[in-house]
């Protein structure tokens, strides 16, 4: 009769299974001095661990051991990724400092707006006197009556608006194509997500997986997508 009640190995011993995949460096040549293949796991900060644990528990995914196994496998997987590929998010270029022209125009616009406000508040008698003086000094003998001042106000408004008009911001550069290393990382994380938590990657589970990836992205500062539609396309390419 076989003994059925002996101690069973911990599920955490299975974590080594999840780090043996194509992201690993090839084995060293036996004829050359070998280097250690030990990979230092990435240790998530307490906030990230708490967020992942709470997310999985609220979704009812896995038991306590399964969730611990998942996090442990994540730490080894991220550590391996950082030691081989590590797609750092591209730095956003700093906007160029404003040119002298860009500084002068807003100042001119403010002065024109002030002139327009003063002109609009000028009384009829003062406008009439000013129009007579302008008519007298005009080399082309043009008449500067109320119609002239109406048109002048319109032109001053146009100048003020043109001075504060902003240039269209440059279009955002297209997102870079996903690297092979990032694609392999997503596939591997999806595999350990399914196997450690013993679930199928349904649309609902994929949404939880995408939220886990968002926590990983923000904690590790690596450039991985965490949108459900992108992840679905990556995973469907392998089916």
C-alpha atoms as a PDB file:
ATOM      1  CA  UNK A   1       0.000   0.000   0.000  1.00  0.00           C
ATOM      2  CA  UNK A   2       1.458   3.390  -1.053  1.00  0.00           C
ATOM      3  CA  UNK A   3       1.866   6.185   1.403  1.00  0.00           C
ATOM      4  CA  UNK A   4      -0.392   9.053   0.285  1.00  0.00           C
ATOM      5  CA  UNK A   5       0.067  11.364   3.249  1.00  0.00           C
ATOM      6  CA  UNK A   6       3.716  12.346   2.847  1.00  0.00           C
ATOM      7  CA  UNK A   7       4.670  16.054   2.650  1.00  0.00           C
ATOM      8  CA  UNK A   8       4.204  17.585  -0.817  1.00  0.00           C
ATOM      9  CA  UNK A   9       6.835  19.926  -2.268  1.00  0.00           C
ATOM     10  CA  UNK A  10       5.971  23.592  -2.117  1.00  0.00           C
ATOM     11  CA  UNK A  11       4.509  25.122  -5.280  1.00  0.00           C
ATOM     12  CA  UNK A  12       7.203  27.807  -5.026  1.00  0.00           C
ATOM     13  CA  UNK A  13       9.763  25.255  -6.141  1.00  0.00           C
ATOM     14  CA  UNK A  14       8.164  25.427  -9.583  1.00  0.00           C
ATOM     15  CA  UNK A  15       9.369  28.993 -10.057  1.00  0.00           C
ATOM     16  CA  UNK A  16      12.526  27.814 -11.806  1.00  0.00           C
ATOM     17  CA  UNK A  17      10.314  26.521 -14.621  1.00  0.00           C
ATOM     18  CA  UNK A  18       9.211  30.042 -15.531  1.00  0.00           C
ATOM     19  CA  UNK A  19      12.661  31.506 -16.124  1.00  0.00           C
ATOM     20  CA  UNK A  20      13.851  28.897 -18.631  1.00  0.00           C
ATOM     21  CA  UNK A  21      12.862  30.435 -21.985  1.00  0.00           C
ATOM     22  CA  UNK A  22      14.364  32.097 -25.120  1.00  0.00           C
ATOM     23  CA  UNK A  23      15.257  35.342 -23.305  1.00  0.00           C
ATOM     24  CA  UNK A  24      18.069  33.501 -21.528  1.00  0.00           C
ATOM     25  CA  UNK A  25      21.573  33.854 -22.858  1.00  0.00           C
ATOM     26  CA  UNK A  26      22.947  30.780 -24.653  1.00  0.00           C
ATOM     27  CA  UNK A  27      24.995  28.328 -22.624  1.00  0.00           C
ATOM     28  CA  UNK A  28      28.716  29.099 -22.635  1.00  0.00           C
ATOM     29  CA  UNK A  29      31.104  27.142 -24.814  1.00  0.00           C
ATOM     30  CA  UNK A  30      32.536  24.212 -22.782  1.00  0.00           C
ATOM     31  CA  UNK A  31      36.003  25.098 -24.065  1.00  0.00           C
ATOM     32  CA  UNK A  32      35.841  28.628 -22.665  1.00  0.00           C
ATOM     33  CA  UNK A  33      35.779  29.839 -19.076  1.00  0.00           C
ATOM     34  CA  UNK A  34      32.144  29.904 -18.036  1.00  0.00           C
ATOM     35  CA  UNK A  35      30.274  32.726 -16.337  1.00  0.00           C
ATOM     36  CA  UNK A  36      27.615  32.346 -13.701  1.00  0.00           C
ATOM     37  CA  UNK A  37      24.079  32.170 -15.101  1.00  0.00           C
ATOM     38  CA  UNK A  38      22.539  33.433 -11.876  1.00  0.00           C
ATOM     39  CA  UNK A  39      20.055  36.215 -12.497  1.00  0.00           C
ATOM     40  CA  UNK A  40      19.312  38.636  -9.690  1.00  0.00           C
ATOM     41  CA  UNK A  41      15.515  38.924  -9.387  1.00  0.00           C
ATOM     42  CA  UNK A  42      13.918  42.328  -9.413  1.00  0.00           C
ATOM     43  CA  UNK A  43      12.381  42.937  -6.002  1.00  0.00           C
ATOM     44  CA  UNK A  44       9.152  44.910  -6.274  1.00  0.00           C
ATOM     45  CA  UNK A  45       8.654  47.729  -3.757  1.00  0.00           C
ATOM     46  CA  UNK A  46       6.042  47.156  -1.091  1.00  0.00           C
ATOM     47  CA  UNK A  47       3.492  49.404  -2.811  1.00  0.00           C
ATOM     48  CA  UNK A  48       3.701  47.422  -6.073  1.00  0.00           C
ATOM     49  CA  UNK A  49       3.431  44.078  -4.246  1.00  0.00           C
ATOM     50  CA  UNK A  50       0.404  45.318  -2.319  1.00  0.00           C
ATOM     51  CA  UNK A  51      -1.238  46.637  -5.496  1.00  0.00           C
ATOM     52  CA  UNK A  52      -0.713  43.375  -7.418  1.00  0.00           C
ATOM     53  CA  UNK A  53      -1.893  41.246  -4.491  1.00  0.00           C
ATOM     54  CA  UNK A  54      -5.017  43.335  -3.909  1.00  0.00           C
ATOM     55  CA  UNK A  55      -5.849  43.349  -7.619  1.00  0.00           C
ATOM     56  CA  UNK A  56      -5.630  39.567  -7.930  1.00  0.00           C
ATOM     57  CA  UNK A  57      -7.474  38.930  -4.679  1.00  0.00           C
ATOM     58  CA  UNK A  58     -10.344  41.249  -5.603  1.00  0.00           C
ATOM     59  CA  UNK A  59     -10.614  39.494  -8.973  1.00  0.00           C
ATOM     60  CA  UNK A  60     -10.689  36.110  -7.218  1.00  0.00           C
ATOM     61  CA  UNK A  61      -7.644  34.843  -9.120  1.00  0.00           C
ATOM     62  CA  UNK A  62      -5.586  32.076  -7.545  1.00  0.00           C
ATOM     63  CA  UNK A  63      -5.094  31.149  -3.930  1.00  0.00           C
ATOM     64  CA  UNK A  64      -2.494  32.604  -1.585  1.00  0.00           C
ATOM     65  CA  UNK A  65       0.242  30.208  -2.709  1.00  0.00           C
ATOM     66  CA  UNK A  66      -0.577  30.772  -6.373  1.00  0.00           C
ATOM     67  CA  UNK A  67      -0.423  34.542  -6.034  1.00  0.00           C
ATOM     68  CA  UNK A  68       2.902  34.281  -4.160  1.00  0.00           C
ATOM     69  CA  UNK A  69       4.257  31.982  -6.861  1.00  0.00           C
ATOM     70  CA  UNK A  70       3.140  34.427  -9.539  1.00  0.00           C
ATOM     71  CA  UNK A  71       4.902  37.374  -7.876  1.00  0.00           C
ATOM     72  CA  UNK A  72       8.079  35.342  -7.340  1.00  0.00           C
ATOM     73  CA  UNK A  73       8.110  34.249 -10.972  1.00  0.00           C
ATOM     74  CA  UNK A  74       7.512  37.867 -12.014  1.00  0.00           C
ATOM     75  CA  UNK A  75      10.546  39.014 -10.039  1.00  0.00           C
ATOM     76  CA  UNK A  76      12.805  36.468 -11.728  1.00  0.00           C
ATOM     77  CA  UNK A  77      11.348  37.209 -15.156  1.00  0.00           C
ATOM     78  CA  UNK A  78      11.780  40.971 -14.791  1.00  0.00           C
ATOM     79  CA  UNK A  79      15.301  40.475 -13.448  1.00  0.00           C
ATOM     80  CA  UNK A  80      16.156  38.373 -16.486  1.00  0.00           C
ATOM     81  CA  UNK A  81      14.636  40.928 -18.837  1.00  0.00           C
ATOM     82  CA  UNK A  82      16.572  43.772 -17.248  1.00  0.00           C
ATOM     83  CA  UNK A  83      19.833  41.854 -17.567  1.00  0.00           C
ATOM     84  CA  UNK A  84      19.347  41.115 -21.276  1.00  0.00           C
ATOM     85  CA  UNK A  85      17.131  43.572 -23.095  1.00  0.00           C
ATOM     86  CA  UNK A  86      15.764  46.307 -20.824  1.00  0.00           C
ATOM     87  CA  UNK A  87      13.808  48.549 -23.181  1.00  0.00           C
ATOM     88  CA  UNK A  88      14.048  51.873 -21.367  1.00  0.00           C
ATOM     89  CA  UNK A  89      11.272  54.340 -22.238  1.00  0.00           C
ATOM     90  CA  UNK A  90      12.557  56.870 -24.784  1.00  0.00           C
ATOM     91  CA  UNK A  91      13.285  60.278 -23.330  1.00  0.00           C
ATOM     92  CA  UNK A  92      10.976  62.996 -24.529  1.00  0.00           C
ATOM     93  CA  UNK A  93      12.868  65.803 -26.250  1.00  0.00           C
ATOM     94  CA  UNK A  94      12.772  69.098 -24.388  1.00  0.00           C
ATOM     95  CA  UNK A  95      10.934  71.890 -26.207  1.00  0.00           C
ATOM     96  CA  UNK A  96      13.282  74.557 -27.612  1.00  0.00           C
ATOM     97  CA  UNK A  97      13.426  77.831 -25.659  1.00  0.00           C
ATOM     98  CA  UNK A  98      11.240  80.624 -27.052  1.00  0.00           C
ATOM     99  CA  UNK A  99      12.949  82.789 -29.680  1.00  0.00           C
ATOM    100  CA  UNK A 100      13.189  86.569 -29.482  1.00  0.00           C
ATOM    101  CA  UNK A 101      10.325  86.870 -31.978  1.00  0.00           C
ATOM    102  CA  UNK A 102       8.122  84.600 -29.836  1.00  0.00           C
ATOM    103  CA  UNK A 103       8.810  86.831 -26.816  1.00  0.00           C
ATOM    104  CA  UNK A 104       8.262  90.149 -28.629  1.00  0.00           C
ATOM    105  CA  UNK A 105       4.905  89.391 -30.227  1.00  0.00           C
ATOM    106  CA  UNK A 106       2.962  88.812 -26.968  1.00  0.00           C
ATOM    107  CA  UNK A 107       4.353  92.081 -25.594  1.00  0.00           C
ATOM    108  CA  UNK A 108       3.310  93.904 -28.770  1.00  0.00           C
ATOM    109  CA  UNK A 109      -0.148  92.326 -28.553  1.00  0.00           C
ATOM    110  CA  UNK A 110      -0.602  93.645 -25.012  1.00  0.00           C
ATOM    111  CA  UNK A 111       0.359  97.191 -26.048  1.00  0.00           C
ATOM    112  CA  UNK A 112      -1.979  97.095 -29.046  1.00  0.00           C
ATOM    113  CA  UNK A 113      -4.818  95.864 -26.844  1.00  0.00           C
ATOM    114  CA  UNK A 114      -4.173  98.748 -24.453  1.00  0.00           C
ATOM    115  CA  UNK A 115      -4.190 101.244 -27.367  1.00  0.00           C
ATOM    116  CA  UNK A 116      -7.457  99.796 -28.624  1.00  0.00           C
ATOM    117  CA  UNK A 117      -9.039 100.119 -25.175  1.00  0.00           C
ATOM    118  CA  UNK A 118      -7.938 103.768 -24.884  1.00  0.00           C
ATOM    119  CA  UNK A 119      -9.189 104.552 -28.407  1.00  0.00           C
ATOM    120  CA  UNK A 120     -12.590 103.008 -27.668  1.00  0.00           C
ATOM    121  CA  UNK A 121     -12.908 105.137 -24.523  1.00  0.00           C
ATOM    122  CA  UNK A 122     -11.994 108.375 -26.319  1.00  0.00           C
ATOM    123  CA  UNK A 123     -14.899 110.820 -26.528  1.00  0.00           C
ATOM    124  CA  UNK A 124     -16.525 111.975 -29.773  1.00  0.00           C
ATOM    125  CA  UNK A 125     -15.117 115.515 -29.569  1.00  0.00           C
ATOM    126  CA  UNK A 126     -11.550 114.223 -29.087  1.00  0.00           C
ATOM    127  CA  UNK A 127     -11.971 111.784 -32.000  1.00  0.00           C
ATOM    128  CA  UNK A 128     -13.259 114.568 -34.247  1.00  0.00           C
ATOM    129  CA  UNK A 129     -10.288 116.796 -33.401  1.00  0.00           C
ATOM    130  CA  UNK A 130      -7.853 113.929 -33.935  1.00  0.00           C
ATOM    131  CA  UNK A 131      -9.489 113.120 -37.281  1.00  0.00           C
ATOM    132  CA  UNK A 132      -9.141 116.729 -38.419  1.00  0.00           C
ATOM    133  CA  UNK A 133      -5.458 116.790 -37.532  1.00  0.00           C
ATOM    134  CA  UNK A 134      -4.840 113.483 -39.330  1.00  0.00           C
ATOM    135  CA  UNK A 135      -6.684 114.755 -42.416  1.00  0.00           C
ATOM    136  CA  UNK A 136      -4.570 117.917 -42.443  1.00  0.00           C
ATOM    137  CA  UNK A 137      -1.285 116.007 -42.130  1.00  0.00           C
ATOM    138  CA  UNK A 138      -2.169 113.261 -44.608  1.00  0.00           C
ATOM    139  CA  UNK A 139      -0.007 113.658 -47.763  1.00  0.00           C
ATOM    140  CA  UNK A 140      -2.778 112.060 -49.836  1.00  0.00           C
ATOM    141  CA  UNK A 141      -5.498 114.320 -48.455  1.00  0.00           C
ATOM    142  CA  UNK A 142      -7.569 111.428 -47.142  1.00  0.00           C
ATOM    143  CA  UNK A 143     -10.472 112.162 -44.814  1.00  0.00           C
ATOM    144  CA  UNK A 144     -10.184 110.686 -41.316  1.00  0.00           C
ATOM    145  CA  UNK A 145     -13.790 110.616 -40.092  1.00  0.00           C
ATOM    146  CA  UNK A 146     -15.725 108.138 -37.902  1.00  0.00           C
ATOM    147  CA  UNK A 147     -15.480 105.448 -40.564  1.00  0.00           C
ATOM    148  CA  UNK A 148     -11.691 105.660 -40.385  1.00  0.00           C
ATOM    149  CA  UNK A 149     -11.719 105.118 -36.612  1.00  0.00           C
ATOM    150  CA  UNK A 150     -14.145 102.195 -36.942  1.00  0.00           C
ATOM    151  CA  UNK A 151     -11.788 100.545 -39.428  1.00  0.00           C
ATOM    152  CA  UNK A 152      -8.796 101.365 -37.228  1.00  0.00           C
ATOM    153  CA  UNK A 153     -10.386  99.548 -34.286  1.00  0.00           C
ATOM    154  CA  UNK A 154     -10.931  96.473 -36.477  1.00  0.00           C
ATOM    155  CA  UNK A 155      -7.284  96.502 -37.585  1.00  0.00           C
ATOM    156  CA  UNK A 156      -6.025  96.902 -34.021  1.00  0.00           C
ATOM    157  CA  UNK A 157      -8.128  93.897 -32.962  1.00  0.00           C
ATOM    158  CA  UNK A 158      -6.611  91.842 -35.778  1.00  0.00           C
ATOM    159  CA  UNK A 159      -3.085  92.816 -34.788  1.00  0.00           C
ATOM    160  CA  UNK A 160      -3.683  91.962 -31.123  1.00  0.00           C
ATOM    161  CA  UNK A 161      -5.108  88.547 -32.016  1.00  0.00           C
ATOM    162  CA  UNK A 162      -2.271  87.804 -34.448  1.00  0.00           C
ATOM    163  CA  UNK A 163       0.302  88.600 -31.770  1.00  0.00           C
ATOM    164  CA  UNK A 164      -1.089  86.038 -29.318  1.00  0.00           C
ATOM    165  CA  UNK A 165      -1.874  83.373 -31.912  1.00  0.00           C
ATOM    166  CA  UNK A 166       0.032  80.208 -31.036  1.00  0.00           C
ATOM    167  CA  UNK A 167       1.711  77.940 -33.520  1.00  0.00           C
ATOM    168  CA  UNK A 168       0.296  74.465 -33.914  1.00  0.00           C
ATOM    169  CA  UNK A 169       2.286  72.074 -31.690  1.00  0.00           C
ATOM    170  CA  UNK A 170       4.312  69.517 -33.620  1.00  0.00           C
ATOM    171  CA  UNK A 171       2.646  66.172 -34.052  1.00  0.00           C
ATOM    172  CA  UNK A 172       3.649  63.457 -31.614  1.00  0.00           C
ATOM    173  CA  UNK A 173       6.127  61.057 -33.205  1.00  0.00           C
ATOM    174  CA  UNK A 174       4.676  57.612 -33.904  1.00  0.00           C
ATOM    175  CA  UNK A 175       5.215  55.050 -31.215  1.00  0.00           C
ATOM    176  CA  UNK A 176       8.252  52.856 -31.917  1.00  0.00           C
ATOM    177  CA  UNK A 177       7.605  49.311 -33.036  1.00  0.00           C
ATOM    178  CA  UNK A 178       7.562  46.766 -30.248  1.00  0.00           C
ATOM    179  CA  UNK A 179      10.904  45.018 -29.894  1.00  0.00           C
ATOM    180  CA  UNK A 180      11.241  41.248 -29.993  1.00  0.00           C
ATOM    181  CA  UNK A 181      12.448  41.274 -26.395  1.00  0.00           C
ATOM    182  CA  UNK A 182       9.343  43.124 -25.227  1.00  0.00           C
ATOM    183  CA  UNK A 183       7.089  40.782 -27.187  1.00  0.00           C
ATOM    184  CA  UNK A 184       8.754  37.721 -25.650  1.00  0.00           C
ATOM    185  CA  UNK A 185       8.448  39.249 -22.186  1.00  0.00           C
ATOM    186  CA  UNK A 186       4.705  39.770 -22.622  1.00  0.00           C
ATOM    187  CA  UNK A 187       4.234  36.198 -23.825  1.00  0.00           C
ATOM    188  CA  UNK A 188       6.223  34.831 -20.899  1.00  0.00           C
ATOM    189  CA  UNK A 189       4.382  36.958 -18.334  1.00  0.00           C
ATOM    190  CA  UNK A 190       1.060  35.854 -19.816  1.00  0.00           C
ATOM    191  CA  UNK A 191       2.157  32.225 -19.510  1.00  0.00           C
ATOM    192  CA  UNK A 192       3.089  32.468 -15.844  1.00  0.00           C
ATOM    193  CA  UNK A 193      -0.081  34.495 -15.216  1.00  0.00           C
ATOM    194  CA  UNK A 194      -2.162  31.603 -16.570  1.00  0.00           C
ATOM    195  CA  UNK A 195      -0.189  28.771 -14.988  1.00  0.00           C
ATOM    196  CA  UNK A 196       0.541  30.218 -11.538  1.00  0.00           C
ATOM    197  CA  UNK A 197      -3.037  31.369 -11.047  1.00  0.00           C
ATOM    198  CA  UNK A 198      -4.465  28.364 -12.911  1.00  0.00           C
ATOM    199  CA  UNK A 199      -6.831  30.428 -15.055  1.00  0.00           C
ATOM    200  CA  UNK A 200      -7.664  30.908 -18.722  1.00  0.00           C
ATOM    201  CA  UNK A 201      -6.851  34.237 -20.333  1.00  0.00           C
ATOM    202  CA  UNK A 202     -10.434  35.311 -21.017  1.00  0.00           C
ATOM    203  CA  UNK A 203     -11.204  38.949 -21.954  1.00  0.00           C
ATOM    204  CA  UNK A 204     -11.962  39.619 -18.277  1.00  0.00           C
ATOM    205  CA  UNK A 205      -8.696  38.005 -17.161  1.00  0.00           C
ATOM    206  CA  UNK A 206      -6.821  39.888 -19.892  1.00  0.00           C
ATOM    207  CA  UNK A 207      -8.070  43.158 -18.409  1.00  0.00           C
ATOM    208  CA  UNK A 208      -6.637  42.182 -15.003  1.00  0.00           C
ATOM    209  CA  UNK A 209      -3.389  41.098 -16.685  1.00  0.00           C
ATOM    210  CA  UNK A 210      -3.133  44.476 -18.409  1.00  0.00           C
ATOM    211  CA  UNK A 211      -3.520  46.234 -15.036  1.00  0.00           C
ATOM    212  CA  UNK A 212      -0.740  44.057 -13.592  1.00  0.00           C
ATOM    213  CA  UNK A 213       1.491  45.079 -16.501  1.00  0.00           C
ATOM    214  CA  UNK A 214       0.739  48.738 -15.784  1.00  0.00           C
ATOM    215  CA  UNK A 215       1.950  48.256 -12.208  1.00  0.00           C
ATOM    216  CA  UNK A 216       5.080  46.508 -13.500  1.00  0.00           C
ATOM    217  CA  UNK A 217       5.735  49.227 -16.070  1.00  0.00           C
ATOM    218  CA  UNK A 218       5.484  52.031 -13.521  1.00  0.00           C
ATOM    219  CA  UNK A 219       7.476  50.191 -10.858  1.00  0.00           C
ATOM    220  CA  UNK A 220      10.317  48.897 -13.049  1.00  0.00           C
ATOM    221  CA  UNK A 221      10.308  51.829 -15.497  1.00  0.00           C
ATOM    222  CA  UNK A 222      10.402  49.646 -18.593  1.00  0.00           C
ATOM    223  CA  UNK A 223       8.701  50.409 -21.863  1.00  0.00           C
ATOM    224  CA  UNK A 224       6.016  47.716 -22.121  1.00  0.00           C
ATOM    225  CA  UNK A 225       2.458  48.251 -23.360  1.00  0.00           C
ATOM    226  CA  UNK A 226      -0.373  47.581 -20.948  1.00  0.00           C
ATOM    227  CA  UNK A 227      -3.402  48.305 -23.141  1.00  0.00           C
ATOM    228  CA  UNK A 228      -5.761  45.342 -23.472  1.00  0.00           C
ATOM    229  CA  UNK A 229      -6.171  45.673 -27.243  1.00  0.00           C
ATOM    230  CA  UNK A 230      -2.402  45.689 -27.852  1.00  0.00           C
ATOM    231  CA  UNK A 231      -1.882  42.720 -25.542  1.00  0.00           C
ATOM    232  CA  UNK A 232      -4.675  40.809 -27.261  1.00  0.00           C
ATOM    233  CA  UNK A 233      -2.979  41.293 -30.642  1.00  0.00           C
ATOM    234  CA  UNK A 234       0.386  40.157 -29.283  1.00  0.00           C
ATOM    235  CA  UNK A 235      -1.109  37.042 -27.725  1.00  0.00           C
ATOM    236  CA  UNK A 236      -3.250  36.232 -30.775  1.00  0.00           C
ATOM    237  CA  UNK A 237      -0.157  36.219 -33.021  1.00  0.00           C
ATOM    238  CA  UNK A 238       1.084  33.109 -31.239  1.00  0.00           C
ATOM    239  CA  UNK A 239      -2.125  31.143 -31.488  1.00  0.00           C
END
